[in-house]
Amino acid sequence: MEGIIYQINISNGGVPKSSVVTAKITTERVEGDRWNYTGHGGKEQAVCLFAQECLDALVLQGFPVFPGALGENFTTKYLDYHLVRIGDIWQVGTKVQIKITKVRTPCGTIRRAYSPSASKGEGIEAAMWDSEVKKGNVHTEKWGMAGFYAEVLREGRVSQGDRILKID
C-alpha cells in the first residue's frame, strides 16, 4: 500500500493545526508541534496520521473539517485506512520510518470544536469512532476514521508530497 503525505501539520496547541512544507520527525514528536501533555505525544504517539479521504467522508456528513482541523500531523492521501493495522511499519519519504501503535480516540477538544452541543460519544466523535473500533474490530466501517498514532522508528525530515509506503 502506498500514498503521499498531502499535508504536514503543527500547532502551538489545540486545533486546527497549520500546514508546514517540511518538518523534522523525532522519536517524541513532529518538531514544532505542541499538545496537551497528559493525553497526547510521547514515544507511542509521536505522530498522528489522518486520511484526506476520511476528512472528505466527514465533510459529506456535514462536519466543516479540513487538513489539520482534527489535530493530525500527517494528512495522507491514497491510503485505505480500513487496511491499516496496529504494528504496520511505514517508510515516509527517504529516511523516516514509523510503526502504527494505536487507533486514535477522538478527544474532547475535537468534539467541542466540531460538535459543540454534542455529549461524549455523539456528533463528530460518533462519526469517527464506536465501541467496535475500541475493541479492535478491523471490520467495522469506522475502522481508521479517527486516524492512527505512530511511534517513530527512524528520525529524519519529511516534506509535503513525500511517499508513504507500507514496508512491513
C-alpha atoms as a PDB file:
ATOM      1  CA  MET A   1       0.000   0.000   0.000  1.00  0.00           C
ATOM      2  CA  GLU A   2       1.330   3.420  -0.943  1.00  0.00           C
ATOM      3  CA  GLY A   3       0.183   7.007  -0.661  1.00  0.00           C
ATOM      4  CA  ILE A   4       1.540  10.501  -0.141  1.00  0.00           C
ATOM      5  CA  ILE A   5       1.940  12.981   2.674  1.00  0.00           C
ATOM      6  CA  TYR A   6      -0.604  15.521   1.474  1.00  0.00           C
ATOM      7  CA  GLN A   7      -0.002  17.953   4.338  1.00  0.00           C
ATOM      8  CA  ILE A   8       2.232  18.213   7.437  1.00  0.00           C
ATOM      9  CA  ASN A   9       0.583  19.984  10.372  1.00  0.00           C
ATOM     10  CA  ILE A  10       1.846  21.565  13.602  1.00  0.00           C
ATOM     11  CA  SER A  11       0.465  23.981  16.202  1.00  0.00           C
ATOM     12  CA  ASN A  12       1.266  25.716  19.464  1.00  0.00           C
ATOM     13  CA  GLY A  13      -1.557  23.660  20.977  1.00  0.00           C
ATOM     14  CA  GLY A  14      -5.103  22.731  20.119  1.00  0.00           C
ATOM     15  CA  VAL A  15      -6.835  22.530  16.775  1.00  0.00           C
ATOM     16  CA  PRO A  16      -6.661  23.286  13.980  1.00  0.00           C
ATOM     17  CA  LYS A  17      -3.001  22.752  13.186  1.00  0.00           C
ATOM     18  CA  SER A  18      -1.271  24.783  10.473  1.00  0.00           C
ATOM     19  CA  SER A  19       0.462  23.429   7.404  1.00  0.00           C
ATOM     20  CA  VAL A  20       4.244  23.429   7.029  1.00  0.00           C
ATOM     21  CA  VAL A  21       6.104  22.339   3.896  1.00  0.00           C
ATOM     22  CA  THR A  22       8.722  20.263   5.695  1.00  0.00           C
ATOM     23  CA  ALA A  23       9.373  19.102   9.259  1.00  0.00           C
ATOM     24  CA  LYS A  24      11.845  17.129  11.322  1.00  0.00           C
ATOM     25  CA  ILE A  25      10.315  13.987  12.796  1.00  0.00           C
ATOM     26  CA  THR A  26      11.810  12.841  16.116  1.00  0.00           C
ATOM     27  CA  THR A  27      11.048   9.906  18.390  1.00  0.00           C
ATOM     28  CA  GLU A  28       8.963  12.222  20.587  1.00  0.00           C
ATOM     29  CA  ARG A  29       7.077  14.425  18.082  1.00  0.00           C
ATOM     30  CA  VAL A  30       6.946  16.394  14.886  1.00  0.00           C
ATOM     31  CA  GLU A  31       9.335  19.218  15.715  1.00  0.00           C
ATOM     32  CA  GLY A  32       7.479  22.483  16.357  1.00  0.00           C
ATOM     33  CA  ASP A  33       4.253  20.754  17.390  1.00  0.00           C
ATOM     34  CA  ARG A  34       2.830  21.188  20.883  1.00  0.00           C
ATOM     35  CA  TRP A  35      -0.138  19.476  22.534  1.00  0.00           C
ATOM     36  CA  ASN A  36      -1.756  18.618  25.835  1.00  0.00           C
ATOM     37  CA  TYR A  37       0.947  16.567  27.538  1.00  0.00           C
ATOM     38  CA  THR A  38      -1.475  14.479  29.604  1.00  0.00           C
ATOM     39  CA  GLY A  39      -3.193  12.814  26.657  1.00  0.00           C
ATOM     40  CA  HIS A  40      -1.011  13.298  23.605  1.00  0.00           C
ATOM     41  CA  GLY A  41       2.526  12.781  22.380  1.00  0.00           C
ATOM     42  CA  GLY A  42       5.302  10.629  23.719  1.00  0.00           C
ATOM     43  CA  LYS A  43       7.017   7.663  22.140  1.00  0.00           C
ATOM     44  CA  GLU A  44       3.911   5.680  21.130  1.00  0.00           C
ATOM     45  CA  GLN A  45       2.011   8.778  19.953  1.00  0.00           C
ATOM     46  CA  ALA A  46       4.815  10.773  18.352  1.00  0.00           C
ATOM     47  CA  VAL A  47       2.901  11.211  15.084  1.00  0.00           C
ATOM     48  CA  CYS A  48      -0.836  11.334  14.389  1.00  0.00           C
ATOM     49  CA  LEU A  49      -1.997  10.336  10.895  1.00  0.00           C
ATOM     50  CA  PHE A  50      -5.334  11.056   9.269  1.00  0.00           C
ATOM     51  CA  ALA A  51      -6.536  10.358   5.724  1.00  0.00           C
ATOM     52  CA  GLN A  52      -7.832  13.088   3.438  1.00  0.00           C
ATOM     53  CA  GLU A  53     -10.380  10.510   2.316  1.00  0.00           C
ATOM     54  CA  CYS A  54     -11.695  10.288   5.912  1.00  0.00           C
ATOM     55  CA  LEU A  55     -11.896  14.094   6.061  1.00  0.00           C
ATOM     56  CA  ASP A  56     -13.889  14.022   2.814  1.00  0.00           C
ATOM     57  CA  ALA A  57     -16.311  11.478   4.336  1.00  0.00           C
ATOM     58  CA  LEU A  58     -16.788  13.703   7.408  1.00  0.00           C
ATOM     59  CA  VAL A  59     -17.445  16.753   5.199  1.00  0.00           C
ATOM     60  CA  LEU A  60     -20.163  14.773   3.400  1.00  0.00           C
ATOM     61  CA  GLN A  61     -21.750  14.208   6.829  1.00  0.00           C
ATOM     62  CA  GLY A  62     -21.804  17.963   7.433  1.00  0.00           C
ATOM     63  CA  PHE A  63     -18.684  18.483   9.561  1.00  0.00           C
ATOM     64  CA  PRO A  64     -16.591  21.532   8.496  1.00  0.00           C
ATOM     65  CA  VAL A  65     -13.212  19.775   8.644  1.00  0.00           C
ATOM     66  CA  PHE A  66     -10.093  20.209   6.506  1.00  0.00           C
ATOM     67  CA  PRO A  67      -6.430  19.093   6.613  1.00  0.00           C
ATOM     68  CA  GLY A  68      -5.066  19.862  10.096  1.00  0.00           C
ATOM     69  CA  ALA A  69      -8.518  20.508  11.558  1.00  0.00           C
ATOM     70  CA  LEU A  70      -8.528  17.342  13.648  1.00  0.00           C
ATOM     71  CA  GLY A  71      -5.043  17.811  15.054  1.00  0.00           C
ATOM     72  CA  GLU A  72      -3.251  15.303  12.850  1.00  0.00           C
ATOM     73  CA  ASN A  73       0.425  15.756  11.998  1.00  0.00           C
ATOM     74  CA  PHE A  74       0.270  13.933   8.661  1.00  0.00           C
ATOM     75  CA  THR A  75      -2.733  14.271   6.391  1.00  0.00           C
ATOM     76  CA  THR A  76      -2.278  11.446   3.881  1.00  0.00           C
ATOM     77  CA  LYS A  77      -3.835  10.704   0.508  1.00  0.00           C
ATOM     78  CA  TYR A  78      -4.396   7.452  -1.375  1.00  0.00           C
ATOM     79  CA  LEU A  79      -4.120   5.135   1.662  1.00  0.00           C
ATOM     80  CA  ASP A  80      -7.064   2.932   2.570  1.00  0.00           C
ATOM     81  CA  TYR A  81      -7.197   3.333   6.351  1.00  0.00           C
ATOM     82  CA  HIS A  82      -9.566   0.354   6.568  1.00  0.00           C
ATOM     83  CA  LEU A  83      -6.498  -1.760   5.694  1.00  0.00           C
ATOM     84  CA  VAL A  84      -4.085  -0.154   8.199  1.00  0.00           C
ATOM     85  CA  ARG A  85      -3.256  -2.375  11.173  1.00  0.00           C
ATOM     86  CA  ILE A  86      -1.588  -1.901  14.526  1.00  0.00           C
ATOM     87  CA  GLY A  87       2.058  -2.919  14.103  1.00  0.00           C
ATOM     88  CA  ASP A  88       2.321  -1.899  10.424  1.00  0.00           C
ATOM     89  CA  ILE A  89       5.661  -0.277   9.584  1.00  0.00           C
ATOM     90  CA  TRP A  90       5.743   2.572   7.071  1.00  0.00           C
ATOM     91  CA  GLN A  91       8.536   4.355   5.214  1.00  0.00           C
ATOM     92  CA  VAL A  92       7.856   8.104   5.000  1.00  0.00           C
ATOM     93  CA  GLY A  93       9.998   9.928   2.468  1.00  0.00           C
ATOM     94  CA  THR A  94      13.552   8.631   2.196  1.00  0.00           C
ATOM     95  CA  LYS A  95      14.544   8.491   5.874  1.00  0.00           C
ATOM     96  CA  VAL A  96      11.675   8.306   8.349  1.00  0.00           C
ATOM     97  CA  GLN A  97      10.148   5.024   9.474  1.00  0.00           C
ATOM     98  CA  ILE A  98       7.086   4.811  11.696  1.00  0.00           C
ATOM     99  CA  LYS A  99       5.158   1.990  13.334  1.00  0.00           C
ATOM    100  CA  ILE A 100       1.389   2.202  13.854  1.00  0.00           C
ATOM    101  CA  THR A 101       0.796   1.825  17.605  1.00  0.00           C
ATOM    102  CA  LYS A 102      -2.894   2.510  18.136  1.00  0.00           C
ATOM    103  CA  VAL A 103      -6.136   3.777  16.736  1.00  0.00           C
ATOM    104  CA  ARG A 104      -6.693   7.347  17.765  1.00  0.00           C
ATOM    105  CA  THR A 105      -9.534   8.070  20.181  1.00  0.00           C
ATOM    106  CA  PRO A 106     -11.177  11.422  19.361  1.00  0.00           C
ATOM    107  CA  CYS A 107     -10.537  13.822  22.244  1.00  0.00           C
ATOM    108  CA  GLY A 108     -12.863  16.342  23.846  1.00  0.00           C
ATOM    109  CA  THR A 109     -11.124  19.215  22.052  1.00  0.00           C
ATOM    110  CA  ILE A 110     -12.236  17.813  18.691  1.00  0.00           C
ATOM    111  CA  ARG A 111     -15.756  17.142  19.934  1.00  0.00           C
ATOM    112  CA  ARG A 112     -16.068  20.694  21.319  1.00  0.00           C
ATOM    113  CA  ALA A 113     -14.597  22.273  18.162  1.00  0.00           C
ATOM    114  CA  TYR A 114     -16.763  20.461  15.616  1.00  0.00           C
ATOM    115  CA  SER A 115     -19.838  19.322  17.591  1.00  0.00           C
ATOM    116  CA  PRO A 116     -20.135  21.905  20.388  1.00  0.00           C
ATOM    117  CA  SER A 117     -23.584  20.811  21.575  1.00  0.00           C
ATOM    118  CA  ALA A 118     -22.829  17.076  21.451  1.00  0.00           C
ATOM    119  CA  SER A 119     -22.205  14.945  24.504  1.00  0.00           C
ATOM    120  CA  LYS A 120     -19.351  12.465  24.706  1.00  0.00           C
ATOM    121  CA  GLY A 121     -19.870   9.745  22.097  1.00  0.00           C
ATOM    122  CA  GLU A 122     -22.076  11.926  19.879  1.00  0.00           C
ATOM    123  CA  GLY A 123     -21.534  14.301  16.940  1.00  0.00           C
ATOM    124  CA  ILE A 124     -18.206  14.094  15.155  1.00  0.00           C
ATOM    125  CA  GLU A 125     -16.934  11.600  17.723  1.00  0.00           C
ATOM    126  CA  ALA A 126     -19.730   9.167  16.779  1.00  0.00           C
ATOM    127  CA  ALA A 127     -18.946   9.653  13.081  1.00  0.00           C
ATOM    128  CA  MET A 128     -15.303   8.653  13.657  1.00  0.00           C
ATOM    129  CA  TRP A 129     -15.370   6.092  16.453  1.00  0.00           C
ATOM    130  CA  ASP A 130     -17.518   3.403  18.044  1.00  0.00           C
ATOM    131  CA  SER A 131     -17.316   0.557  20.544  1.00  0.00           C
ATOM    132  CA  GLU A 132     -16.233  -1.872  17.808  1.00  0.00           C
ATOM    133  CA  VAL A 133     -13.202   0.269  16.969  1.00  0.00           C
ATOM    134  CA  LYS A 134     -12.402   0.426  20.686  1.00  0.00           C
ATOM    135  CA  LYS A 135     -12.496  -3.401  20.772  1.00  0.00           C
ATOM    136  CA  GLY A 136     -10.064  -3.537  17.848  1.00  0.00           C
ATOM    137  CA  ASN A 137     -12.582  -4.810  15.302  1.00  0.00           C
ATOM    138  CA  VAL A 138     -10.896  -4.031  11.971  1.00  0.00           C
ATOM    139  CA  HIS A 139     -14.080  -4.969  10.083  1.00  0.00           C
ATOM    140  CA  THR A 140     -16.239  -2.115  11.388  1.00  0.00           C
ATOM    141  CA  GLU A 141     -16.919   0.648   8.844  1.00  0.00           C
ATOM    142  CA  LYS A 142     -15.451   3.182  11.290  1.00  0.00           C
ATOM    143  CA  TRP A 143     -12.032   1.486  11.492  1.00  0.00           C
ATOM    144  CA  GLY A 144      -9.458   4.172  10.629  1.00  0.00           C
ATOM    145  CA  MET A 145     -11.965   7.048  10.590  1.00  0.00           C
ATOM    146  CA  ALA A 146     -10.365   8.597  13.695  1.00  0.00           C
ATOM    147  CA  GLY A 147      -6.818   8.203  12.386  1.00  0.00           C
ATOM    148  CA  PHE A 148      -3.853   6.442  13.928  1.00  0.00           C
ATOM    149  CA  TYR A 149      -0.929   7.144  16.219  1.00  0.00           C
ATOM    150  CA  ALA A 150       2.574   6.032  15.353  1.00  0.00           C
ATOM    151  CA  GLU A 151       5.930   5.556  17.006  1.00  0.00           C
ATOM    152  CA  VAL A 152       8.983   6.873  15.150  1.00  0.00           C
ATOM    153  CA  LEU A 153      11.496   4.094  14.483  1.00  0.00           C
ATOM    154  CA  ARG A 154      13.875   6.232  12.420  1.00  0.00           C
ATOM    155  CA  GLU A 155      14.076  10.017  12.615  1.00  0.00           C
ATOM    156  CA  GLY A 156      14.511  12.423   9.722  1.00  0.00           C
ATOM    157  CA  ARG A 157      12.847  15.114   7.648  1.00  0.00           C
ATOM    158  CA  VAL A 158       9.651  14.744   5.660  1.00  0.00           C
ATOM    159  CA  SER A 159       8.084  17.068   3.121  1.00  0.00           C
ATOM    160  CA  GLN A 160       4.643  17.520   1.642  1.00  0.00           C
ATOM    161  CA  GLY A 161       4.304  15.204  -1.331  1.00  0.00           C
ATOM    162  CA  ASP A 162       6.665  12.581   0.101  1.00  0.00           C
ATOM    163  CA  ARG A 163       5.696   8.988  -0.479  1.00  0.00           C
ATOM    164  CA  ILE A 164       4.376   6.908   2.424  1.00  0.00           C
ATOM    165  CA  LEU A 165       4.805   3.186   1.805  1.00  0.00           C
ATOM    166  CA  LYS A 166       3.910   0.165   3.933  1.00  0.00           C
ATOM    167  CA  ILE A 167       7.099  -1.888   4.284  1.00  0.00           C
ATOM    168  CA  ASP A 168       6.062  -4.473   6.902  1.00  0.00           C
END
